[in-house]
C-alpha cells in the first residue's frame, strides 16, 4: 500500500510518453478495481486522482489528442472519462465537490473539454 501511495504521488508521468501511456493505463486498472491505496478510504484520494487526470488532459489539450506526445492513448482517455462520469454519479456530492475544488481553472477547463469530446 505504501509503495502504491508513493507511485501515485509521482503521477502523471510526463517525460517518457510511451511509459506514461502504460502507467496511466495501470492507474485506470487500479481505480476500476477500487484499490484502497489508490482511491483511499471514503474516497479521500479522489482529489489526487482527479488532479492526475486533469494534468493528463491538460497536457493532451496542449499537444493535441492522439499524438506521439500524448500521455494516454484514446482507449485510456475514454476509460478516464468513464471513471469521472462514474465518480460524479456514484460518489457523495460533498466528496466530488471538494475534489473538483482542488483543481485550477486551467485543469477544470481541460477536464471539461475532454469530457465533452468523450476522450
Foldseek 3Di string as FASTA:
>chain_A
DVVVLVVLVPDDDQDDLVVLQVVLLVLLVCVVVVPCSQQNDLSPNLLSVLQRLLVLLLVCVVVPAPDSNRSHHPVSLLSVLVSLVCCCVPHPPVSNVVSLVSDDPSSNVSNVVSNVVRD
